[in-house]
Protein backbone atom coordinates (compact mmCIF):
# COMPACT_ATOMS: atom_id res chain seq x y z
CA MET A 1 -194.31 58.45 -42.02
CA ARG A 2 -190.51 58.59 -42.12
CA THR A 3 -190.30 54.80 -42.50
CA ASN A 4 -192.27 54.89 -45.74
CA GLU A 5 -190.29 57.85 -47.09
CA LEU A 6 -186.93 56.19 -46.35
CA ASP A 7 -188.05 52.81 -47.68
CA GLU A 8 -189.37 54.42 -50.88
CA MET A 9 -186.23 56.49 -51.40
CA LEU A 10 -184.01 53.44 -50.87
CA SER A 11 -185.93 51.62 -53.59
CA GLY A 12 -183.19 49.25 -54.74
CA ASP A 13 -182.42 51.09 -57.99
CA GLY A 14 -179.05 52.43 -56.88
CA THR A 15 -180.41 55.66 -55.46
CA VAL A 16 -177.99 56.96 -52.82
CA VAL A 17 -179.42 58.64 -49.77
CA GLN A 18 -177.39 60.86 -47.47
CA VAL A 19 -178.28 60.61 -43.79
CA HIS A 20 -177.26 63.64 -41.75
CA PRO A 21 -176.62 63.82 -38.01
CA GLY A 22 -179.96 63.92 -36.25
CA GLY A 23 -181.59 61.51 -38.68
CA THR A 24 -182.61 63.81 -41.52
CA PHE A 25 -182.02 62.42 -44.99
CA ALA A 26 -182.16 63.40 -48.65
CA ARG A 27 -181.41 61.93 -52.03
CA TYR A 28 -177.68 62.24 -52.71
CA ASP A 29 -177.36 63.91 -56.08
CA ARG A 30 -173.96 65.51 -56.44
CA PRO A 31 -172.82 65.50 -60.07
CA ASP A 32 -169.63 67.29 -58.95
CA ARG A 33 -168.59 64.26 -56.88
CA PRO A 34 -166.78 61.20 -58.24
CA LEU A 35 -168.83 58.36 -59.70
CA GLU A 36 -167.40 55.98 -57.04
CA GLU A 37 -169.80 57.53 -54.52
CA TYR A 38 -172.73 56.05 -56.37
CA ALA A 39 -173.77 52.50 -55.63
CA PRO A 40 -171.78 49.74 -57.28
CA SER A 41 -173.52 47.16 -59.44
CA VAL A 42 -173.46 43.91 -57.52
CA MET A 43 -173.80 40.23 -58.51
CA MET A 44 -173.55 37.13 -56.33
CA THR A 45 -171.97 33.94 -57.65
CA THR A 46 -173.48 30.57 -56.80
CA GLY A 47 -172.66 26.89 -57.05
CA ASP A 48 -173.66 24.89 -60.15
CA ASP A 49 -176.98 24.11 -58.49
CA GLY A 50 -177.77 27.83 -57.91
CA GLN A 51 -177.18 27.68 -54.14
CA ILE A 52 -175.42 30.53 -52.38
CA MET A 53 -172.78 29.06 -50.09
CA PRO A 54 -170.73 30.87 -47.39
CA GLU A 55 -167.73 31.14 -49.76
CA HIS A 56 -169.92 32.92 -52.32
CA THR A 57 -171.08 35.38 -49.67
CA ALA A 58 -167.48 36.00 -48.55
CA GLN A 59 -166.36 36.67 -52.13
CA PHE A 60 -169.33 39.02 -52.68
CA VAL A 61 -168.55 40.97 -49.51
CA THR A 62 -164.89 41.33 -50.53
CA GLU A 63 -165.81 42.58 -54.01
CA VAL A 64 -168.35 45.12 -52.78
CA GLU A 65 -166.16 46.43 -49.96
CA ALA A 66 -163.31 46.93 -52.44
CA THR A 67 -165.51 49.68 -54.00
CA GLY A 68 -165.49 51.65 -50.73
CA TRP A 69 -168.96 50.60 -49.61
CA THR A 70 -169.69 48.50 -46.49
CA LEU A 71 -172.39 45.86 -46.58
CA GLU A 72 -174.75 45.83 -43.63
CA LYS A 73 -175.09 42.31 -42.25
CA GLY A 74 -177.43 40.47 -39.93
CA TRP A 75 -180.60 42.53 -40.46
CA SER A 76 -182.76 39.89 -42.14
CA GLY A 77 -185.61 38.44 -40.12
CA GLN A 78 -185.75 35.30 -42.25
CA TYR A 79 -185.52 31.94 -40.49
CA LEU A 80 -182.03 30.38 -40.51
CA THR A 81 -180.32 33.51 -41.82
CA ARG A 82 -176.74 33.76 -40.62
CA GLY A 83 -175.64 36.89 -38.77
CA ASP A 84 -172.78 37.53 -41.21
CA ASP A 85 -175.13 37.38 -44.23
CA PRO A 86 -175.83 40.73 -45.95
CA GLY A 87 -178.75 39.43 -47.97
CA MET A 88 -182.30 40.51 -47.27
CA HIS A 89 -185.34 38.56 -48.53
CA MET A 90 -187.46 40.12 -51.29
CA SER A 91 -190.41 40.40 -48.85
CA GLU A 92 -188.47 42.54 -46.35
CA PHE A 93 -188.30 46.33 -46.34
CA VAL A 94 -186.36 49.22 -44.77
CA GLY A 95 -188.25 49.61 -41.51
CA GLY A 96 -188.15 48.88 -37.81
CA SER A 97 -184.68 48.52 -36.28
CA LEU A 98 -182.98 48.63 -39.70
CA LYS A 99 -184.57 52.04 -40.39
CA ASP A 100 -183.51 53.23 -36.93
CA HIS A 101 -179.95 52.05 -37.53
CA ILE A 102 -179.75 53.88 -40.86
CA LEU A 103 -181.18 57.10 -39.40
CA ASP A 104 -178.77 56.90 -36.44
CA THR A 105 -175.74 56.40 -38.73
CA PRO A 106 -174.81 59.43 -40.83
CA GLY A 107 -173.34 58.82 -44.26
CA LEU A 108 -174.32 57.57 -47.67
CA TRP A 109 -176.80 54.67 -47.89
CA CYS A 110 -178.21 52.63 -50.74
CA VAL A 111 -180.15 49.47 -51.37
CA MET A 112 -179.21 47.30 -54.33
CA PRO A 113 -180.83 44.16 -55.72
CA LEU A 114 -178.97 40.92 -54.98
CA ASP A 115 -178.88 39.09 -58.34
CA VAL A 116 -177.56 35.68 -59.40
CA GLU A 117 -177.27 33.95 -62.73
CA SER A 118 -179.86 31.25 -63.45
CA GLU A 119 -178.52 27.70 -63.37
CA GLU A 120 -180.77 27.05 -66.39
CA CYS A 121 -178.95 27.15 -69.74
CA PRO A 122 -180.85 29.60 -71.96
CA ASN A 123 -180.34 27.28 -74.94
CA GLU A 124 -181.30 24.15 -72.94
CA THR A 125 -177.93 22.53 -73.57
CA ASP A 126 -177.76 19.17 -71.79
CA GLY A 127 -175.14 19.01 -69.07
CA CYS A 128 -174.36 22.73 -69.15
CA LYS A 129 -173.38 23.94 -65.64
CA LEU A 130 -172.82 27.40 -64.22
CA SER A 131 -169.10 26.70 -63.89
CA ASP A 132 -168.75 25.75 -67.58
CA PRO A 133 -167.31 28.41 -69.88
CA CYS A 134 -170.10 27.76 -72.37
CA ASP A 135 -170.20 29.80 -75.57
CA THR A 136 -173.66 28.48 -76.44
CA CYS A 137 -175.28 30.01 -73.34
CA VAL A 138 -175.20 33.62 -74.48
CA ASN A 139 -178.81 34.82 -74.48
CA GLY A 140 -178.37 37.96 -76.57
CA ASP A 141 -178.43 40.69 -73.92
CA GLY A 142 -174.78 40.54 -72.86
CA HIS A 143 -175.32 38.03 -70.08
CA GLU A 144 -174.53 34.39 -70.48
CA ARG A 145 -177.58 33.42 -68.44
CA GLU A 146 -180.78 34.97 -67.15
CA ILE A 147 -180.23 37.27 -64.18
CA ILE A 148 -182.53 36.45 -61.28
CA PRO A 149 -183.17 38.72 -58.30
CA VAL A 150 -182.98 36.70 -55.06
CA GLY A 151 -183.04 39.53 -52.53
CA TRP A 152 -181.36 42.83 -51.80
CA VAL A 153 -178.53 44.34 -49.78
CA VAL A 154 -178.04 47.54 -47.78
CA MET A 155 -174.75 49.42 -48.22
CA HIS A 156 -173.21 52.29 -46.28
CA ARG A 157 -170.32 54.62 -47.08
CA ASP A 158 -168.69 57.58 -45.36
CA PRO A 159 -169.00 60.49 -47.81
CA SER A 160 -165.69 61.97 -46.76
CA ALA A 161 -163.72 58.75 -47.39
């Protein structure tokens, strides 16, 4: 029962859950607290071919951890996933040993989607690459390219920090 409740509450929409000593948890909704305690919006960069390389992961971890959150790493059960990789596959969920770890670790927790920009130019411009500063690739919604979810990440923060 608690697995489903925790997995549903950590739905990947930026909802922050506070885990208390003893493993109880509740939605963290404190309007009197600074906005920094809410989950940061995260985006992973990729190579021109859309591949996430170790240097992209390292940059992503640095950017997220600069916000005061810590990325949980090594929880994915996907084949060939590196132990220092924070990314979870879309088919995975907060359950099993990950759920136990969260409930055993008091603090603030959240799940956020792991998004990348599409390597496809929205205007089908020949030769346009992700690394090009291309003014023709603006697709009208404030993003230069389509945003594609490729997984999700789990983040932890000490509420007193």
